[in-house]
């Protein structure tokens, strides 16, 4: 683009060595001068150059390639042969498995018993009973870890077989519940995500905690 103005601000104005422009005594700075304003308007109103257009196009293309923000975070874990996930915002602590003491005359099948967590006696809940999960392949999986969740100031202790990792995903990545899941298991799931090579059921934590509270 050929400029149709004299950049006097560089030759005799505020950005020159001499500051010899006679208007400086009145306007103090070139920013306040009508000549500078006219030049600015010329630049703003000038047609976009092909080089600048290509640069803007490239910036927008790179922005689109960044991809979707993965706004959901879950902790993946395994019970028997079923991989599940719970929103990480409910997970307060993870620890090794503790011995569960059975409660005499307990008729609530969701309650395994009581367990000592950091000196506090807590109720241990059985996710496999709540979600109607069953062992497959004839191989019994030991419960090796404990997930300590919290909801509305209530703590929930869930022993699990194996821990995965904290995983982030976008809501659009959530798939529907497959027909292979039982009706009861599927009713507690928000959907299915793919984590590594596993299909993981994302638990509807609000529904889970609500159901446990009603059963107590």
N, C-alpha and C. Protein backbone atom coordinates (compact mmCIF):
# COMPACT_ATOMS: atom_id res chain seq x y z
N UNK A 1 0.85 -1.19 0.00
CA UNK A 1 0.00 0.00 0.00
C UNK A 1 0.89 1.24 0.00
N UNK A 2 0.66 2.17 -0.95
CA UNK A 2 1.43 3.40 -1.04
C UNK A 2 0.79 4.43 -0.13
N UNK A 3 1.56 5.06 0.73
CA UNK A 3 0.98 6.02 1.63
C UNK A 3 0.94 7.40 0.97
N UNK A 4 -0.19 8.13 1.17
CA UNK A 4 -0.41 9.44 0.57
C UNK A 4 -0.26 10.54 1.61
N UNK A 5 0.59 10.37 2.56
CA UNK A 5 0.81 11.38 3.58
C UNK A 5 2.28 11.38 3.96
N UNK A 6 2.69 12.48 4.56
CA UNK A 6 4.07 12.63 5.02
C UNK A 6 4.12 12.32 6.51
N UNK A 7 4.93 11.35 6.88
CA UNK A 7 5.01 11.00 8.31
C UNK A 7 5.89 12.00 9.05
N UNK A 8 5.36 13.20 9.16
CA UNK A 8 6.12 14.30 9.77
C UNK A 8 6.42 14.07 11.24
N UNK A 9 5.64 13.22 11.88
CA UNK A 9 5.90 12.95 13.30
C UNK A 9 7.26 12.27 13.52
N UNK A 10 7.75 11.60 12.46
CA UNK A 10 9.07 10.95 12.55
C UNK A 10 10.20 11.86 12.09
N UNK A 11 9.88 12.85 11.21
CA UNK A 11 10.94 13.70 10.64
C UNK A 11 11.15 14.99 11.43
N UNK A 12 10.05 15.54 11.99
CA UNK A 12 10.23 16.77 12.77
C UNK A 12 9.31 16.85 13.98
N UNK A 13 8.57 15.74 14.17
CA UNK A 13 7.65 15.72 15.31
C UNK A 13 8.25 15.10 16.56
N UNK A 14 7.38 14.55 17.39
CA UNK A 14 7.78 14.08 18.72
C UNK A 14 8.75 12.91 18.65
N UNK A 15 8.70 12.13 17.53
CA UNK A 15 9.59 10.97 17.42
C UNK A 15 10.86 11.28 16.62
N UNK A 16 11.09 12.56 16.33
CA UNK A 16 12.32 12.96 15.65
C UNK A 16 13.34 13.44 16.68
N UNK A 17 14.53 13.68 16.22
CA UNK A 17 15.58 14.15 17.13
C UNK A 17 15.44 15.65 17.44
N UNK A 18 15.02 16.44 16.40
CA UNK A 18 15.02 17.89 16.56
C UNK A 18 13.77 18.44 17.24
N UNK A 19 12.62 17.72 17.05
CA UNK A 19 11.33 18.23 17.54
C UNK A 19 11.10 19.65 17.00
N UNK A 20 11.32 19.82 15.69
CA UNK A 20 11.30 21.15 15.08
C UNK A 20 9.94 21.58 14.55
N UNK A 21 8.92 20.74 14.68
CA UNK A 21 7.60 21.08 14.14
C UNK A 21 7.03 22.29 14.89
N UNK A 22 6.61 23.36 14.17
CA UNK A 22 6.07 24.57 14.83
C UNK A 22 4.76 24.31 15.59
N UNK A 23 4.06 23.19 15.25
CA UNK A 23 2.78 22.91 15.90
C UNK A 23 2.94 22.30 17.30
N UNK A 24 4.14 21.80 17.59
CA UNK A 24 4.34 21.11 18.87
C UNK A 24 4.11 22.01 20.07
N UNK A 25 4.40 23.30 19.91
CA UNK A 25 4.22 24.22 21.03
C UNK A 25 2.76 24.29 21.45
N UNK A 26 1.85 24.10 20.48
CA UNK A 26 0.42 24.18 20.78
C UNK A 26 -0.19 22.82 21.12
N UNK A 27 0.19 21.78 20.34
CA UNK A 27 -0.47 20.47 20.52
C UNK A 27 0.25 19.59 21.53
N UNK A 28 1.48 19.93 21.93
CA UNK A 28 2.28 19.20 22.92
C UNK A 28 2.79 17.87 22.39
N UNK A 29 1.88 17.05 21.79
CA UNK A 29 2.25 15.72 21.29
C UNK A 29 1.58 15.49 19.95
N UNK A 30 2.24 14.74 19.08
CA UNK A 30 1.70 14.47 17.74
C UNK A 30 0.34 13.78 17.80
N UNK A 31 0.08 13.04 18.86
CA UNK A 31 -1.23 12.38 18.99
C UNK A 31 -2.37 13.39 18.97
N UNK A 32 -2.10 14.63 19.33
CA UNK A 32 -3.14 15.66 19.41
C UNK A 32 -3.24 16.49 18.14
N UNK A 33 -2.45 16.18 17.15
CA UNK A 33 -2.38 16.97 15.92
C UNK A 33 -3.35 16.44 14.87
N UNK A 34 -4.01 17.37 14.12
CA UNK A 34 -4.96 16.95 13.09
C UNK A 34 -4.27 16.23 11.94
N UNK A 35 -3.01 16.53 11.67
CA UNK A 35 -2.26 15.84 10.61
C UNK A 35 -2.11 14.37 10.97
N UNK A 36 -1.78 14.11 12.21
CA UNK A 36 -1.61 12.73 12.68
C UNK A 36 -2.95 11.99 12.64
N UNK A 37 -4.05 12.66 13.00
CA UNK A 37 -5.38 12.05 12.96
C UNK A 37 -5.79 11.69 11.55
N UNK A 38 -5.47 12.59 10.58
CA UNK A 38 -5.82 12.31 9.18
C UNK A 38 -5.05 11.10 8.66
N UNK A 39 -3.80 11.01 9.05
CA UNK A 39 -2.99 9.86 8.62
C UNK A 39 -3.52 8.57 9.23
N UNK A 40 -3.94 8.64 10.49
CA UNK A 40 -4.50 7.47 11.15
C UNK A 40 -5.77 7.00 10.45
N UNK A 41 -6.65 7.94 10.10
CA UNK A 41 -7.89 7.61 9.40
C UNK A 41 -7.60 6.98 8.05
N UNK A 42 -6.56 7.47 7.38
CA UNK A 42 -6.20 6.91 6.08
C UNK A 42 -5.80 5.44 6.21
N UNK A 43 -5.02 5.15 7.24
CA UNK A 43 -4.56 3.77 7.45
C UNK A 43 -5.74 2.86 7.78
N UNK A 44 -6.64 3.32 8.68
CA UNK A 44 -7.78 2.51 9.08
C UNK A 44 -8.74 2.25 7.93
N UNK A 45 -8.89 3.26 7.05
CA UNK A 45 -9.87 3.14 5.95
C UNK A 45 -9.28 2.49 4.71
N UNK A 46 -7.99 2.26 4.71
CA UNK A 46 -7.35 1.67 3.54
C UNK A 46 -7.79 0.23 3.35
N UNK A 47 -7.89 -0.24 2.10
CA UNK A 47 -8.28 -1.65 1.87
C UNK A 47 -7.24 -2.61 2.45
N UNK A 48 -7.71 -3.79 2.87
CA UNK A 48 -6.83 -4.79 3.48
C UNK A 48 -5.91 -5.38 2.42
N UNK A 49 -4.64 -5.41 2.74
CA UNK A 49 -3.68 -5.99 1.80
C UNK A 49 -3.83 -7.51 1.78
N UNK A 50 -3.39 -8.11 0.68
CA UNK A 50 -3.48 -9.56 0.55
C UNK A 50 -2.61 -10.25 1.59
N UNK A 51 -1.45 -9.66 1.89
CA UNK A 51 -0.55 -10.24 2.89
C UNK A 51 -1.22 -10.26 4.27
N UNK A 52 -1.87 -9.13 4.63
CA UNK A 52 -2.52 -9.06 5.94
C UNK A 52 -3.72 -10.00 6.00
N UNK A 53 -4.45 -10.11 4.89
CA UNK A 53 -5.59 -11.01 4.83
C UNK A 53 -5.15 -12.47 5.05
N UNK A 54 -4.06 -12.84 4.40
CA UNK A 54 -3.55 -14.20 4.56
C UNK A 54 -3.09 -14.47 5.99
N UNK A 55 -2.49 -13.46 6.62
CA UNK A 55 -2.02 -13.62 8.01
C UNK A 55 -3.20 -13.83 8.94
N UNK A 56 -4.27 -13.07 8.77
CA UNK A 56 -5.47 -13.23 9.60
C UNK A 56 -6.11 -14.60 9.39
N UNK A 57 -6.14 -15.04 8.14
CA UNK A 57 -6.72 -16.35 7.83
C UNK A 57 -5.95 -17.46 8.52
N UNK A 58 -4.61 -17.34 8.52
CA UNK A 58 -3.77 -18.35 9.16
C UNK A 58 -3.99 -18.38 10.66
N UNK A 59 -4.13 -17.22 11.29
CA UNK A 59 -4.37 -17.15 12.74
C UNK A 59 -5.69 -17.82 13.10
N UNK A 60 -6.74 -17.55 12.31
CA UNK A 60 -8.04 -18.16 12.57
C UNK A 60 -8.01 -19.67 12.36
N UNK A 61 -7.27 -20.11 11.35
CA UNK A 61 -7.16 -21.54 11.09
C UNK A 61 -6.46 -22.25 12.25
N UNK A 62 -5.40 -21.65 12.78
CA UNK A 62 -4.69 -22.24 13.91
C UNK A 62 -5.55 -22.26 15.16
N UNK A 63 -6.37 -21.24 15.34
CA UNK A 63 -7.26 -21.20 16.51
C UNK A 63 -8.27 -22.34 16.45
N UNK A 64 -8.81 -22.63 15.28
CA UNK A 64 -9.77 -23.72 15.14
C UNK A 64 -9.13 -25.07 15.41
N UNK A 65 -7.85 -25.19 15.09
CA UNK A 65 -7.18 -26.49 15.25
C UNK A 65 -6.88 -26.83 16.70
N UNK A 66 -7.03 -25.83 17.59
CA UNK A 66 -6.78 -26.09 19.00
C UNK A 66 -7.72 -27.16 19.53
N UNK A 67 -8.96 -27.18 19.02
CA UNK A 67 -9.90 -28.21 19.40
C UNK A 67 -10.79 -27.79 20.56
N UNK A 68 -11.66 -28.69 20.95
CA UNK A 68 -12.62 -28.41 22.00
C UNK A 68 -11.97 -28.48 23.37
N UNK A 69 -12.45 -27.63 24.25
CA UNK A 69 -11.94 -27.63 25.62
C UNK A 69 -12.56 -28.82 26.36
N UNK A 70 -11.72 -29.62 26.97
CA UNK A 70 -12.20 -30.79 27.72
C UNK A 70 -12.52 -30.35 29.14
N UNK A 71 -13.80 -30.02 29.35
CA UNK A 71 -14.18 -29.37 30.60
C UNK A 71 -14.57 -30.32 31.72
N UNK A 72 -14.68 -31.62 31.42
CA UNK A 72 -15.09 -32.59 32.43
C UNK A 72 -13.89 -33.42 32.91
N UNK A 73 -13.75 -33.56 34.23
CA UNK A 73 -12.67 -34.35 34.81
C UNK A 73 -13.26 -35.46 35.67
N UNK A 74 -12.78 -36.68 35.45
CA UNK A 74 -13.26 -37.83 36.20
C UNK A 74 -12.08 -38.67 36.67
N UNK A 75 -12.32 -39.47 37.71
CA UNK A 75 -11.35 -40.47 38.15
C UNK A 75 -11.83 -41.82 37.67
N UNK A 76 -11.00 -42.52 36.92
CA UNK A 76 -11.37 -43.85 36.42
C UNK A 76 -10.94 -44.91 37.42
N UNK A 77 -11.73 -45.95 37.53
CA UNK A 77 -11.42 -47.05 38.43
C UNK A 77 -12.15 -48.31 37.97
N UNK A 78 -11.74 -49.45 38.53
CA UNK A 78 -12.32 -50.73 38.12
C UNK A 78 -12.92 -51.45 39.32
N UNK A 79 -14.09 -52.03 39.09
CA UNK A 79 -14.69 -52.95 40.05
C UNK A 79 -15.00 -54.23 39.28
N UNK A 80 -14.43 -55.34 39.73
CA UNK A 80 -14.49 -56.59 38.98
C UNK A 80 -13.89 -56.33 37.60
N UNK A 81 -14.64 -56.55 36.54
CA UNK A 81 -14.11 -56.29 35.19
C UNK A 81 -14.74 -55.05 34.57
N UNK A 82 -15.39 -54.23 35.35
CA UNK A 82 -16.10 -53.07 34.83
C UNK A 82 -15.34 -51.79 35.17
N UNK A 83 -15.00 -51.02 34.11
CA UNK A 83 -14.34 -49.74 34.32
C UNK A 83 -15.37 -48.64 34.43
N UNK A 84 -15.24 -47.85 35.50
CA UNK A 84 -16.18 -46.78 35.77
C UNK A 84 -15.42 -45.49 36.02
N UNK A 85 -16.15 -44.39 36.14
CA UNK A 85 -15.54 -43.10 36.43
C UNK A 85 -16.50 -42.27 37.26
N UNK A 86 -15.93 -41.49 38.16
CA UNK A 86 -16.72 -40.59 38.99
C UNK A 86 -16.14 -39.19 38.84
N UNK A 87 -16.99 -38.16 38.73
CA UNK A 87 -16.46 -36.79 38.61
C UNK A 87 -15.48 -36.48 39.73
N UNK A 88 -14.34 -35.93 39.35
CA UNK A 88 -13.25 -35.72 40.30
C UNK A 88 -13.62 -34.70 41.38
N UNK A 89 -14.61 -33.85 41.11
CA UNK A 89 -14.98 -32.84 42.09
C UNK A 89 -15.54 -33.45 43.37
N UNK A 90 -15.99 -34.72 43.31
CA UNK A 90 -16.53 -35.38 44.50
C UNK A 90 -15.47 -36.18 45.25
N UNK A 91 -14.34 -36.41 44.62
CA UNK A 91 -13.30 -37.25 45.23
C UNK A 91 -12.44 -36.40 46.17
N UNK A 92 -12.44 -36.77 47.44
CA UNK A 92 -11.67 -36.02 48.44
C UNK A 92 -10.37 -36.71 48.82
N UNK A 93 -10.33 -38.03 48.69
CA UNK A 93 -9.13 -38.76 49.11
C UNK A 93 -9.14 -40.15 48.48
N UNK A 94 -7.94 -40.69 48.29
CA UNK A 94 -7.78 -42.08 47.82
C UNK A 94 -6.77 -42.74 48.75
N UNK A 95 -7.09 -43.94 49.19
CA UNK A 95 -6.19 -44.63 50.10
C UNK A 95 -6.21 -46.12 49.81
N UNK A 96 -5.30 -46.85 50.45
CA UNK A 96 -5.28 -48.30 50.29
C UNK A 96 -6.47 -48.92 51.00
N UNK A 97 -6.79 -50.12 50.61
CA UNK A 97 -7.94 -50.81 51.19
C UNK A 97 -7.75 -51.03 52.69
N UNK A 98 -8.83 -50.83 53.44
CA UNK A 98 -8.84 -51.06 54.88
C UNK A 98 -9.80 -52.19 55.21
N UNK A 99 -9.51 -52.89 56.27
CA UNK A 99 -10.38 -53.98 56.69
C UNK A 99 -11.76 -53.45 57.06
N UNK A 100 -12.76 -54.09 56.51
CA UNK A 100 -14.15 -53.68 56.77
C UNK A 100 -14.73 -54.56 57.86
N UNK A 101 -15.23 -53.93 58.89
CA UNK A 101 -15.88 -54.67 59.98
C UNK A 101 -17.37 -54.79 59.70
N UNK A 102 -17.86 -56.02 59.66
CA UNK A 102 -19.27 -56.25 59.39
C UNK A 102 -20.13 -55.71 60.52
N UNK A 103 -21.30 -55.23 60.14
CA UNK A 103 -22.26 -54.74 61.12
C UNK A 103 -23.29 -55.84 61.40
N UNK A 104 -23.44 -56.23 62.67
CA UNK A 104 -24.45 -57.26 62.99
C UNK A 104 -25.86 -56.74 62.71
N UNK A 105 -26.69 -57.64 62.21
CA UNK A 105 -28.09 -57.33 61.93
C UNK A 105 -28.28 -56.25 60.85
N UNK A 106 -27.25 -56.08 60.03
CA UNK A 106 -27.36 -55.10 58.94
C UNK A 106 -28.20 -55.68 57.80
N UNK A 107 -29.28 -55.00 57.44
CA UNK A 107 -30.16 -55.49 56.37
C UNK A 107 -30.02 -54.66 55.10
N UNK A 108 -29.16 -53.66 55.14
CA UNK A 108 -28.94 -52.81 53.97
C UNK A 108 -27.82 -53.44 53.13
N UNK A 109 -28.17 -54.00 51.98
CA UNK A 109 -27.17 -54.73 51.17
C UNK A 109 -26.14 -53.78 50.57
N UNK A 110 -26.42 -52.49 50.56
CA UNK A 110 -25.47 -51.54 50.01
C UNK A 110 -24.33 -51.24 50.98
N UNK A 111 -24.53 -51.56 52.26
CA UNK A 111 -23.53 -51.29 53.27
C UNK A 111 -22.68 -52.53 53.52
N UNK A 112 -21.36 -52.39 53.31
CA UNK A 112 -20.45 -53.49 53.59
C UNK A 112 -20.16 -53.60 55.08
N UNK A 113 -20.08 -52.46 55.74
CA UNK A 113 -19.75 -52.43 57.16
C UNK A 113 -19.13 -51.09 57.50
N UNK A 114 -18.28 -51.07 58.50
CA UNK A 114 -17.61 -49.84 58.90
C UNK A 114 -16.11 -50.00 58.74
N UNK A 115 -15.43 -48.88 58.54
CA UNK A 115 -14.00 -48.91 58.28
C UNK A 115 -13.36 -47.69 58.93
N UNK A 116 -12.11 -47.84 59.35
CA UNK A 116 -11.38 -46.76 60.00
C UNK A 116 -10.60 -45.97 58.94
N UNK A 117 -10.96 -44.71 58.74
CA UNK A 117 -10.27 -43.84 57.80
C UNK A 117 -9.68 -42.67 58.57
N UNK A 118 -8.36 -42.67 58.72
CA UNK A 118 -7.64 -41.60 59.43
C UNK A 118 -8.22 -41.36 60.82
N UNK A 119 -8.54 -42.44 61.51
CA UNK A 119 -9.04 -42.33 62.87
C UNK A 119 -10.53 -42.10 62.97
N UNK A 120 -11.21 -41.94 61.84
CA UNK A 120 -12.66 -41.74 61.84
C UNK A 120 -13.35 -43.02 61.39
N UNK A 121 -14.40 -43.39 62.07
CA UNK A 121 -15.19 -44.56 61.69
C UNK A 121 -16.19 -44.15 60.62
N UNK A 122 -16.08 -44.75 59.45
CA UNK A 122 -16.93 -44.41 58.31
C UNK A 122 -17.69 -45.65 57.83
N UNK A 123 -18.81 -45.41 57.18
CA UNK A 123 -19.57 -46.50 56.57
C UNK A 123 -18.99 -46.80 55.19
N UNK A 124 -18.72 -48.08 54.93
CA UNK A 124 -18.20 -48.50 53.63
C UNK A 124 -19.36 -49.03 52.78
N UNK A 125 -19.49 -48.45 51.57
CA UNK A 125 -20.58 -48.83 50.68
C UNK A 125 -20.08 -49.72 49.55
N UNK A 126 -20.93 -50.61 49.10
CA UNK A 126 -20.58 -51.56 48.05
C UNK A 126 -21.12 -51.07 46.71
N UNK A 127 -20.22 -50.54 45.87
CA UNK A 127 -20.65 -50.08 44.56
C UNK A 127 -21.13 -51.23 43.68
N UNK A 128 -20.51 -52.41 43.88
CA UNK A 128 -20.94 -53.54 43.05
C UNK A 128 -22.39 -53.93 43.34
N UNK A 129 -22.82 -53.77 44.59
CA UNK A 129 -24.22 -54.06 44.94
C UNK A 129 -25.14 -52.96 44.43
N UNK A 130 -24.72 -51.72 44.63
CA UNK A 130 -25.54 -50.58 44.22
C UNK A 130 -25.75 -50.59 42.71
N UNK A 131 -24.68 -50.85 41.95
CA UNK A 131 -24.74 -50.79 40.49
C UNK A 131 -25.07 -52.14 39.86
N UNK A 132 -25.28 -53.16 40.71
CA UNK A 132 -25.62 -54.50 40.22
C UNK A 132 -24.54 -55.04 39.28
N UNK A 133 -23.28 -54.95 39.72
CA UNK A 133 -22.16 -55.47 38.93
C UNK A 133 -21.88 -56.91 39.33
N UNK A 134 -21.40 -57.70 38.39
CA UNK A 134 -21.13 -59.12 38.65
C UNK A 134 -19.75 -59.49 38.13
N UNK A 135 -19.09 -60.40 38.84
CA UNK A 135 -17.80 -60.88 38.39
C UNK A 135 -17.97 -61.72 37.13
N UNK A 136 -17.02 -61.59 36.23
CA UNK A 136 -17.04 -62.39 35.00
C UNK A 136 -15.71 -63.10 34.85
N UNK A 137 -15.71 -64.15 34.07
CA UNK A 137 -14.47 -64.87 33.79
C UNK A 137 -14.02 -65.80 34.90
N UNK A 138 -14.80 -65.89 35.97
CA UNK A 138 -14.46 -66.82 37.05
C UNK A 138 -13.28 -66.40 37.88
N UNK A 139 -12.77 -65.18 37.66
CA UNK A 139 -11.61 -64.72 38.41
C UNK A 139 -12.03 -63.64 39.39
N UNK A 140 -11.79 -63.87 40.65
CA UNK A 140 -12.19 -62.91 41.67
C UNK A 140 -11.16 -61.79 41.77
N UNK A 141 -11.65 -60.57 41.73
CA UNK A 141 -10.78 -59.41 41.85
C UNK A 141 -10.82 -58.90 43.28
N UNK A 142 -9.68 -58.74 43.89
CA UNK A 142 -9.63 -58.22 45.24
C UNK A 142 -9.86 -56.71 45.23
N UNK A 143 -10.43 -56.21 46.33
CA UNK A 143 -10.58 -54.78 46.50
C UNK A 143 -9.28 -54.26 47.11
N UNK A 144 -8.59 -53.38 46.37
CA UNK A 144 -7.25 -52.96 46.78
C UNK A 144 -7.17 -51.48 47.17
N UNK A 145 -8.17 -50.69 46.81
CA UNK A 145 -8.10 -49.26 47.08
C UNK A 145 -9.45 -48.77 47.61
N UNK A 146 -9.43 -47.57 48.15
CA UNK A 146 -10.64 -46.96 48.67
C UNK A 146 -10.76 -45.54 48.12
N UNK A 147 -11.91 -45.24 47.54
CA UNK A 147 -12.22 -43.87 47.11
C UNK A 147 -13.10 -43.24 48.17
N UNK A 148 -12.68 -42.09 48.65
CA UNK A 148 -13.46 -41.36 49.65
C UNK A 148 -14.08 -40.15 48.95
N UNK A 149 -15.39 -40.19 48.80
CA UNK A 149 -16.11 -39.12 48.11
C UNK A 149 -16.90 -38.29 49.12
N UNK A 150 -17.23 -37.09 48.71
CA UNK A 150 -17.99 -36.20 49.60
C UNK A 150 -19.06 -35.49 48.80
N UNK A 151 -20.25 -35.43 49.39
CA UNK A 151 -21.37 -34.75 48.74
C UNK A 151 -22.26 -34.14 49.82
N UNK A 152 -22.45 -32.83 49.75
CA UNK A 152 -23.27 -32.11 50.73
C UNK A 152 -22.86 -32.45 52.16
N UNK A 153 -21.54 -32.42 52.40
CA UNK A 153 -20.93 -32.63 53.71
C UNK A 153 -21.05 -34.08 54.22
N UNK A 154 -21.54 -34.98 53.40
CA UNK A 154 -21.57 -36.40 53.74
C UNK A 154 -20.44 -37.12 53.02
N UNK A 155 -19.81 -38.05 53.71
CA UNK A 155 -18.70 -38.80 53.13
C UNK A 155 -19.16 -40.21 52.75
N UNK A 156 -18.63 -40.67 51.61
CA UNK A 156 -19.00 -41.97 51.08
C UNK A 156 -17.72 -42.75 50.78
N UNK A 157 -17.62 -43.95 51.35
CA UNK A 157 -16.44 -44.78 51.19
C UNK A 157 -16.74 -45.91 50.21
N UNK A 158 -15.95 -45.97 49.13
CA UNK A 158 -16.17 -46.98 48.09
C UNK A 158 -14.90 -47.78 47.85
N UNK A 159 -14.79 -49.03 48.31
CA UNK A 159 -13.65 -49.88 47.94
C UNK A 159 -13.73 -50.25 46.46
N UNK A 160 -12.58 -50.25 45.78
CA UNK A 160 -12.52 -50.58 44.35
C UNK A 160 -11.36 -51.53 44.10
N UNK A 161 -11.40 -52.22 42.97
CA UNK A 161 -10.36 -53.19 42.64
C UNK A 161 -9.08 -52.53 42.17
N UNK A 162 -9.23 -51.53 41.30
CA UNK A 162 -8.05 -50.94 40.67
C UNK A 162 -8.33 -49.48 40.34
N UNK A 163 -7.31 -48.65 40.49
CA UNK A 163 -7.43 -47.24 40.14
C UNK A 163 -6.85 -46.99 38.76
N UNK A 164 -7.49 -46.08 38.04
CA UNK A 164 -6.97 -45.66 36.75
C UNK A 164 -6.22 -44.35 36.88
N UNK A 165 -6.83 -43.27 36.41
CA UNK A 165 -6.21 -41.95 36.48
C UNK A 165 -7.28 -40.89 36.34
N UNK A 166 -6.87 -39.65 36.59
CA UNK A 166 -7.78 -38.52 36.35
C UNK A 166 -7.78 -38.26 34.84
N UNK A 167 -8.97 -38.25 34.27
CA UNK A 167 -9.13 -38.16 32.81
C UNK A 167 -10.07 -37.01 32.48
N UNK A 168 -9.71 -36.23 31.48
CA UNK A 168 -10.54 -35.10 31.04
C UNK A 168 -11.18 -35.42 29.69
N UNK A 169 -12.45 -35.01 29.54
CA UNK A 169 -13.13 -35.24 28.28
C UNK A 169 -14.14 -34.13 28.02
N UNK A 170 -14.50 -33.97 26.76
CA UNK A 170 -15.50 -32.99 26.36
C UNK A 170 -16.88 -33.65 26.39
N UNK A 171 -17.90 -32.86 26.67
CA UNK A 171 -19.26 -33.40 26.77
C UNK A 171 -19.69 -34.10 25.49
N UNK A 172 -19.19 -33.62 24.35
CA UNK A 172 -19.56 -34.24 23.07
C UNK A 172 -18.97 -35.64 22.92
N UNK A 173 -17.95 -35.95 23.74
CA UNK A 173 -17.32 -37.28 23.68
C UNK A 173 -18.13 -38.33 24.43
N UNK A 174 -19.13 -37.91 25.18
CA UNK A 174 -19.94 -38.83 25.97
C UNK A 174 -20.88 -39.61 25.04
N UNK A 175 -20.76 -40.93 25.06
CA UNK A 175 -21.57 -41.79 24.20
C UNK A 175 -22.75 -42.38 24.99
N UNK A 176 -23.70 -42.92 24.25
CA UNK A 176 -24.88 -43.51 24.86
C UNK A 176 -24.58 -44.80 25.60
N UNK A 177 -25.53 -45.20 26.45
CA UNK A 177 -25.38 -46.43 27.23
C UNK A 177 -25.59 -47.64 26.33
N UNK A 178 -24.63 -48.57 26.28
CA UNK A 178 -24.80 -49.75 25.42
C UNK A 178 -25.84 -50.71 25.99
N UNK A 179 -26.44 -51.47 25.12
CA UNK A 179 -27.48 -52.42 25.54
C UNK A 179 -26.92 -53.57 26.36
N UNK A 180 -25.59 -53.75 26.32
CA UNK A 180 -24.97 -54.84 27.08
C UNK A 180 -24.99 -54.58 28.58
N UNK A 181 -25.15 -53.33 28.99
CA UNK A 181 -25.25 -53.03 30.42
C UNK A 181 -26.64 -53.35 30.91
N UNK A 182 -26.70 -53.83 32.13
CA UNK A 182 -28.01 -54.12 32.70
C UNK A 182 -28.79 -52.83 32.88
N UNK A 183 -30.11 -52.94 32.98
CA UNK A 183 -30.94 -51.75 33.13
C UNK A 183 -30.59 -50.99 34.40
N UNK A 184 -30.33 -51.74 35.47
CA UNK A 184 -30.00 -51.07 36.74
C UNK A 184 -28.65 -50.35 36.65
N UNK A 185 -27.65 -51.03 36.09
CA UNK A 185 -26.33 -50.40 35.96
C UNK A 185 -26.41 -49.16 35.09
N UNK A 186 -27.08 -49.30 33.96
CA UNK A 186 -27.19 -48.17 33.03
C UNK A 186 -27.93 -46.98 33.59
N UNK A 187 -28.86 -47.23 34.52
CA UNK A 187 -29.64 -46.14 35.08
C UNK A 187 -28.79 -45.19 35.92
N UNK A 188 -27.63 -45.64 36.36
CA UNK A 188 -26.75 -44.79 37.16
C UNK A 188 -25.65 -44.14 36.33
N UNK A 189 -25.70 -44.30 35.01
CA UNK A 189 -24.63 -43.78 34.15
C UNK A 189 -25.09 -42.55 33.37
N UNK A 190 -24.18 -41.57 33.27
CA UNK A 190 -24.43 -40.43 32.40
C UNK A 190 -24.17 -40.81 30.94
N UNK A 191 -23.26 -41.74 30.75
CA UNK A 191 -22.90 -42.18 29.41
C UNK A 191 -21.57 -42.91 29.45
N UNK A 192 -21.03 -43.17 28.27
CA UNK A 192 -19.78 -43.93 28.13
C UNK A 192 -18.72 -43.03 27.49
N UNK A 193 -17.49 -43.10 28.04
CA UNK A 193 -16.36 -42.42 27.41
C UNK A 193 -15.29 -43.46 27.07
N UNK A 194 -14.44 -43.10 26.13
CA UNK A 194 -13.32 -43.98 25.78
C UNK A 194 -12.07 -43.47 26.49
N UNK A 195 -11.50 -44.33 27.30
CA UNK A 195 -10.27 -44.01 28.03
C UNK A 195 -9.25 -45.10 27.71
N UNK A 196 -8.14 -44.68 27.08
CA UNK A 196 -7.17 -45.64 26.58
C UNK A 196 -7.91 -46.63 25.68
N UNK A 197 -7.88 -47.91 25.99
CA UNK A 197 -8.61 -48.88 25.16
C UNK A 197 -9.88 -49.37 25.84
N UNK A 198 -10.25 -48.70 26.91
CA UNK A 198 -11.40 -49.13 27.68
C UNK A 198 -12.62 -48.26 27.40
N UNK A 199 -13.78 -48.87 27.51
CA UNK A 199 -15.04 -48.12 27.52
C UNK A 199 -15.44 -47.97 28.98
N UNK A 200 -15.57 -46.74 29.41
CA UNK A 200 -15.75 -46.43 30.83
C UNK A 200 -17.12 -45.79 31.05
N UNK A 201 -17.86 -46.33 32.01
CA UNK A 201 -19.15 -45.77 32.36
C UNK A 201 -18.99 -44.62 33.34
N UNK A 202 -19.49 -43.44 32.96
CA UNK A 202 -19.40 -42.27 33.83
C UNK A 202 -20.61 -42.25 34.76
N UNK A 203 -20.36 -42.35 36.05
CA UNK A 203 -21.43 -42.44 37.04
C UNK A 203 -22.10 -41.08 37.22
N UNK A 204 -23.42 -41.12 37.30
CA UNK A 204 -24.19 -39.93 37.67
C UNK A 204 -24.10 -39.82 39.18
N UNK A 205 -23.14 -39.05 39.67
CA UNK A 205 -22.84 -39.00 41.10
C UNK A 205 -24.01 -38.46 41.92
N UNK A 206 -24.69 -37.45 41.41
CA UNK A 206 -25.82 -36.89 42.15
C UNK A 206 -26.89 -37.95 42.37
N UNK A 207 -27.17 -38.74 41.35
CA UNK A 207 -28.16 -39.81 41.47
C UNK A 207 -27.68 -40.88 42.43
N UNK A 208 -26.40 -41.23 42.35
CA UNK A 208 -25.83 -42.26 43.22
C UNK A 208 -25.94 -41.85 44.69
N UNK A 209 -25.51 -40.64 45.02
CA UNK A 209 -25.54 -40.19 46.41
C UNK A 209 -26.98 -40.06 46.91
N UNK A 210 -27.86 -39.61 46.05
CA UNK A 210 -29.26 -39.47 46.43
C UNK A 210 -29.88 -40.82 46.77
N UNK A 211 -29.57 -41.84 45.97
CA UNK A 211 -30.10 -43.17 46.19
C UNK A 211 -29.57 -43.75 47.51
N UNK A 212 -28.26 -43.56 47.75
CA UNK A 212 -27.68 -44.06 48.99
C UNK A 212 -28.32 -43.39 50.21
N UNK A 213 -28.52 -42.08 50.13
CA UNK A 213 -29.14 -41.36 51.25
C UNK A 213 -30.56 -41.87 51.52
N UNK A 214 -31.29 -42.16 50.47
CA UNK A 214 -32.66 -42.66 50.66
C UNK A 214 -32.68 -44.04 51.26
N UNK A 215 -31.62 -44.82 51.02
CA UNK A 215 -31.60 -46.20 51.52
C UNK A 215 -31.21 -46.29 52.98
N UNK A 216 -30.68 -45.21 53.53
CA UNK A 216 -30.20 -45.24 54.91
C UNK A 216 -31.35 -45.14 55.92
